[in-house]
Amino acid sequence: FSISESISGKKMEYVYVDKNREGDHICYYSDLRKMKAHFPGWDITKSLKDTIEEIVKSWQNRIA
């Protein structure tokens, strides 16, 4: 949560629940070689920090 905290200026509060949420993906893939092989023109264009900045700004605009 350090990236979110540094961008928003707020400490993240959370509770860990050891239970799958309905609708969540059972698995995800972090090795993108196959994806890139099927879609050769595709690549990640935003960093994690940029993505979190967009989310924080969006929420700040919603609650303003």
N, C-alpha and C. Protein backbone atom coordinates (compact mmCIF):
# COMPACT_ATOMS: atom_id res chain seq x y z
N PHE A 1 0.80 -1.21 0.00
CA PHE A 1 0.00 0.00 0.00
C PHE A 1 0.85 1.27 0.00
N SER A 2 2.15 1.12 0.00
CA SER A 2 3.00 2.31 0.10
C SER A 2 2.82 3.26 -1.09
N ILE A 3 2.62 2.72 -2.29
CA ILE A 3 2.42 3.60 -3.46
C ILE A 3 1.13 4.38 -3.30
N SER A 4 0.05 3.70 -2.91
CA SER A 4 -1.24 4.37 -2.72
C SER A 4 -1.15 5.43 -1.63
N GLU A 5 -0.48 5.10 -0.54
CA GLU A 5 -0.35 6.05 0.56
C GLU A 5 0.46 7.27 0.15
N SER A 6 1.53 7.06 -0.63
CA SER A 6 2.35 8.20 -1.04
C SER A 6 1.61 9.11 -2.02
N ILE A 7 0.75 8.54 -2.86
CA ILE A 7 0.00 9.33 -3.84
C ILE A 7 -1.18 10.06 -3.18
N SER A 8 -1.92 9.33 -2.34
CA SER A 8 -3.13 9.91 -1.75
C SER A 8 -2.85 10.70 -0.48
N GLY A 9 -1.72 10.40 0.16
CA GLY A 9 -1.43 11.06 1.43
C GLY A 9 -2.21 10.49 2.59
N LYS A 10 -2.87 9.35 2.36
CA LYS A 10 -3.69 8.73 3.41
C LYS A 10 -3.19 7.32 3.68
N LYS A 11 -3.23 6.94 4.95
CA LYS A 11 -2.86 5.59 5.34
C LYS A 11 -3.98 4.64 4.91
N MET A 12 -3.60 3.54 4.28
CA MET A 12 -4.59 2.56 3.85
C MET A 12 -5.02 1.71 5.03
N GLU A 13 -6.30 1.60 5.22
CA GLU A 13 -6.85 0.74 6.27
C GLU A 13 -7.48 -0.47 5.59
N TYR A 14 -7.15 -1.64 6.08
CA TYR A 14 -7.66 -2.85 5.46
C TYR A 14 -7.77 -3.97 6.48
N VAL A 15 -8.58 -4.95 6.14
CA VAL A 15 -8.74 -6.16 6.94
C VAL A 15 -8.57 -7.34 5.98
N TYR A 16 -7.74 -8.30 6.35
CA TYR A 16 -7.54 -9.48 5.51
C TYR A 16 -8.57 -10.53 5.89
N VAL A 17 -9.31 -11.01 4.91
CA VAL A 17 -10.29 -12.08 5.11
C VAL A 17 -9.86 -13.25 4.23
N ASP A 18 -9.59 -14.38 4.84
CA ASP A 18 -9.09 -15.55 4.11
C ASP A 18 -10.24 -16.32 3.48
N LYS A 19 -10.94 -15.64 2.53
CA LYS A 19 -12.08 -16.25 1.86
C LYS A 19 -12.19 -15.64 0.47
N ASN A 20 -12.44 -16.48 -0.53
CA ASN A 20 -12.61 -15.98 -1.89
C ASN A 20 -13.89 -15.16 -1.98
N ARG A 21 -13.80 -14.05 -2.72
CA ARG A 21 -14.99 -13.23 -2.94
C ARG A 21 -15.71 -13.75 -4.17
N GLU A 22 -17.02 -13.76 -4.13
CA GLU A 22 -17.81 -14.20 -5.28
C GLU A 22 -17.52 -13.27 -6.46
N GLY A 23 -17.24 -13.85 -7.60
CA GLY A 23 -16.97 -13.06 -8.80
C GLY A 23 -15.49 -12.81 -9.05
N ASP A 24 -14.63 -13.07 -8.07
CA ASP A 24 -13.19 -12.88 -8.28
C ASP A 24 -12.65 -13.96 -9.21
N HIS A 25 -11.61 -13.62 -9.94
CA HIS A 25 -10.95 -14.60 -10.79
C HIS A 25 -10.26 -15.65 -9.92
N ILE A 26 -10.32 -16.90 -10.36
CA ILE A 26 -9.68 -17.98 -9.62
C ILE A 26 -8.17 -17.89 -9.78
N CYS A 27 -7.71 -17.45 -10.94
CA CYS A 27 -6.28 -17.32 -11.16
C CYS A 27 -6.02 -16.11 -12.05
N TYR A 28 -4.78 -15.72 -12.12
CA TYR A 28 -4.38 -14.66 -13.04
C TYR A 28 -3.00 -15.01 -13.57
N TYR A 29 -2.63 -14.41 -14.66
CA TYR A 29 -1.36 -14.71 -15.30
C TYR A 29 -0.44 -13.49 -15.23
N SER A 30 0.75 -13.71 -14.73
CA SER A 30 1.71 -12.61 -14.68
C SER A 30 2.78 -12.76 -15.76
N ASP A 31 2.86 -13.93 -16.40
CA ASP A 31 3.78 -14.13 -17.51
C ASP A 31 3.02 -13.79 -18.79
N LEU A 32 3.36 -12.70 -19.40
CA LEU A 32 2.60 -12.18 -20.53
C LEU A 32 3.15 -12.61 -21.89
N ARG A 33 4.10 -13.54 -21.93
CA ARG A 33 4.68 -13.96 -23.21
C ARG A 33 3.64 -14.52 -24.17
N LYS A 34 2.73 -15.35 -23.68
CA LYS A 34 1.71 -15.94 -24.56
C LYS A 34 0.76 -14.86 -25.07
N MET A 35 0.38 -13.95 -24.20
CA MET A 35 -0.49 -12.84 -24.60
C MET A 35 0.18 -12.02 -25.70
N LYS A 36 1.46 -11.72 -25.52
CA LYS A 36 2.18 -10.93 -26.51
C LYS A 36 2.38 -11.70 -27.81
N ALA A 37 2.48 -13.03 -27.73
CA ALA A 37 2.60 -13.85 -28.94
C ALA A 37 1.31 -13.81 -29.75
N HIS A 38 0.16 -13.82 -29.07
CA HIS A 38 -1.14 -13.79 -29.75
C HIS A 38 -1.49 -12.38 -30.23
N PHE A 39 -1.00 -11.37 -29.54
CA PHE A 39 -1.27 -9.97 -29.88
C PHE A 39 0.06 -9.22 -29.95
N PRO A 40 0.82 -9.40 -31.03
CA PRO A 40 2.18 -8.86 -31.10
C PRO A 40 2.27 -7.34 -30.98
N GLY A 41 1.24 -6.63 -31.30
CA GLY A 41 1.27 -5.17 -31.18
C GLY A 41 0.93 -4.66 -29.79
N TRP A 42 0.53 -5.57 -28.90
CA TRP A 42 0.09 -5.17 -27.57
C TRP A 42 1.27 -5.14 -26.61
N ASP A 43 1.26 -4.19 -25.70
CA ASP A 43 2.23 -4.14 -24.62
C ASP A 43 1.66 -3.29 -23.50
N ILE A 44 2.21 -3.43 -22.34
CA ILE A 44 1.80 -2.60 -21.21
C ILE A 44 2.26 -1.18 -21.50
N THR A 45 1.34 -0.23 -21.34
CA THR A 45 1.68 1.16 -21.65
C THR A 45 1.68 2.06 -20.43
N LYS A 46 1.19 1.57 -19.30
CA LYS A 46 1.15 2.38 -18.08
C LYS A 46 1.82 1.62 -16.95
N SER A 47 2.54 2.36 -16.13
CA SER A 47 3.17 1.75 -14.97
C SER A 47 2.13 1.56 -13.86
N LEU A 48 2.48 0.76 -12.89
CA LEU A 48 1.59 0.56 -11.74
C LEU A 48 1.34 1.90 -11.04
N LYS A 49 2.38 2.70 -10.89
CA LYS A 49 2.24 4.01 -10.24
C LYS A 49 1.27 4.89 -11.02
N ASP A 50 1.41 4.94 -12.35
CA ASP A 50 0.49 5.74 -13.17
C ASP A 50 -0.95 5.27 -13.02
N THR A 51 -1.15 3.96 -12.98
CA THR A 51 -2.49 3.39 -12.83
C THR A 51 -3.09 3.79 -11.49
N ILE A 52 -2.32 3.68 -10.42
CA ILE A 52 -2.82 4.05 -9.09
C ILE A 52 -3.09 5.54 -9.03
N GLU A 53 -2.24 6.36 -9.65
CA GLU A 53 -2.49 7.81 -9.69
C GLU A 53 -3.83 8.12 -10.35
N GLU A 54 -4.13 7.44 -11.46
CA GLU A 54 -5.42 7.65 -12.14
C GLU A 54 -6.59 7.27 -11.26
N ILE A 55 -6.47 6.15 -10.55
CA ILE A 55 -7.54 5.68 -9.67
C ILE A 55 -7.76 6.68 -8.54
N VAL A 56 -6.67 7.13 -7.91
CA VAL A 56 -6.78 8.09 -6.80
C VAL A 56 -7.42 9.39 -7.28
N LYS A 57 -6.96 9.92 -8.41
CA LYS A 57 -7.53 11.17 -8.94
C LYS A 57 -9.01 11.00 -9.26
N SER A 58 -9.38 9.85 -9.82
CA SER A 58 -10.77 9.60 -10.15
C SER A 58 -11.64 9.62 -8.89
N TRP A 59 -11.17 8.94 -7.83
CA TRP A 59 -11.94 8.92 -6.59
C TRP A 59 -11.97 10.30 -5.94
N GLN A 60 -10.88 11.04 -6.02
CA GLN A 60 -10.88 12.40 -5.46
C GLN A 60 -11.90 13.27 -6.17
N ASN A 61 -12.02 13.13 -7.48
CA ASN A 61 -13.01 13.90 -8.24
C ASN A 61 -14.43 13.47 -7.89
N ARG A 62 -14.64 12.18 -7.65
CA ARG A 62 -15.98 11.69 -7.32
C ARG A 62 -16.47 12.20 -5.97
N ILE A 63 -15.55 12.27 -5.01
CA ILE A 63 -15.99 12.65 -3.65
C ILE A 63 -15.83 14.14 -3.37
N ALA A 64 -15.34 14.89 -4.37
CA ALA A 64 -15.15 16.34 -4.18
C ALA A 64 -16.48 17.07 -4.21
